[in-house]
């Protein structure tokens, strides 16, 4: 738990039968990028967990050097036993995965945010075995009833599934049981462990094809058994094995509220359950179509276009274009909700662009938008916007862009490179000074994704697109709304403050440049419902005003 969205968390242990806390609070278990993780021993007597050096340690060590400790329920946390991590990189991020019946816990260790992982098996008796190294290109690991299953990108940028016998965890002896296919096996959930679900006789692999998910079923020997029956355009968030062997699958789509489907253990058929959210709005008159823009270098960029059925392509509709493009994070189907319903009722179109830098098509798609290739992301987004204008969905005077965090960097790069492309831009918790970002408290974690000013080639690439350094006096910038949280530990609020100050002094368009700072919010994770609702109201009020939209609620 953390306060005010800071993600600087402490661990509380609660007895689920009584609702009361037991044991003392364990501090320093979570920090923004490194997060925090925990895995229970199967008998419930204790758990492995991650924590950071204590406040008494030197300042340069705090919030770095994440390590694994073991806590026995009932003991004083001061007696917790160190397990692993002191020799890990300074920017290591650890995720722990325990599964019923497994002979131990898997510790997945990320080398910062760039997509390199090492994996360790922590046995129940305390023994530790390193299974993979960062250079092995194994991005996920899961313990099954008869072996260790690994997603590898070695010679397979979209991923392949390997299997190791539990009595010999030598990676060189791993068998490829599911070869690379047209779909990507991406890291997700706890560094990809959630993408491998194992039952007593089957493997369920969550695959991604340009954004939407599909779930392929295999025998434990890798022989294909077909696919789960899912909605046509959907995301599978998690899969949980139940006591009777059936599977509970969390499914999300653009137009229907999230729900859980149950998969029969014997037939493999899916059926609806009562576990589903409800919504006050319906999207029965709405459709999602997928089209492709062509980027500067010829790459086809998928666009998921949400529109009311029968929309006339006469260039008059207000359009909101969303993008991210980084960290191997994919923009996947998510229920659009009431705010998007309001936008559509006002005649608007909402578009999600699957840009390079994400994981929608595997590791190659990611690396084409990372480090010195980052400009590809901005070119993809600009090409997407121009495509939507050329096809008659909107006009530049009726188009807005929105993005947050790495997507905020995207916003800053695009409106400094193409100030004429959008009428309005919303950018939240963004990074804008790319020459100083690695000096921020959390900046070191980002070097594996963005690069470092200490490397000449990477410095040149960073400077070439750094939004703050390319604000031009007198340029006619769009109306801009930026937002940040005072307790943001992922992206220093300094970026938004200095960028807004520079833009307010420089813009020659006469359009507003606004900054919203919330003293009780961080990067967005853990923000209260009221904070999120108020920010959404501010964003749509800004967009309606700048695009000349009359609210359908009036």
Foldseek 3Di string as FASTA:
>chain_A
DDFLALQQDKDWDADVVVRDTFADIGGAQTGPQLGKEKDADPVRQWIKIKGFDDPVDDPVRRPWQIFIWIDGGPDHCVPIGGQDGNPDDRQWRWYWDDDPPFQFIKIWIDPFLQQFIWIWGQGPVRDIDTQGGRVQQWQDWDTEPFFIWTWHCPVAQLTFIWTDGPVDSHVVPIDGLGDHDQWHQAQDDRRRHQQWDYFNFKTWGWTFALAFIWIWIATPSNHTDGTADDPPAKHWRGWDQDPVRKIWTWIFAAFAFIAIWIADRPPRHIDGDPGTDDAPDGQPQKDWDWDWFQFPVGDTKIKTKIAGPPQDLQAAAQEEEEEFQASQAFNHGHHNGDLVVQSRVLRHMYMYIGQQLHNNRGDVSNVCCFQLNVVRRLRRRLRVLVVSNVRRVHHQQRYEYEYEASRLLSQLLNCLVCQSRHQEYEYELYAQAQQCQCVAPQNVSCCSGQNHCVDPSRVVSSCVRRSQNRQAAAAAHHAYEYEFEPSARNHHCVRVVSSLVSCVRGHNNPHHHYYYYHDSHYRHPPNDPVVVVVVSVVVVVVSCVRNVTDGPVD
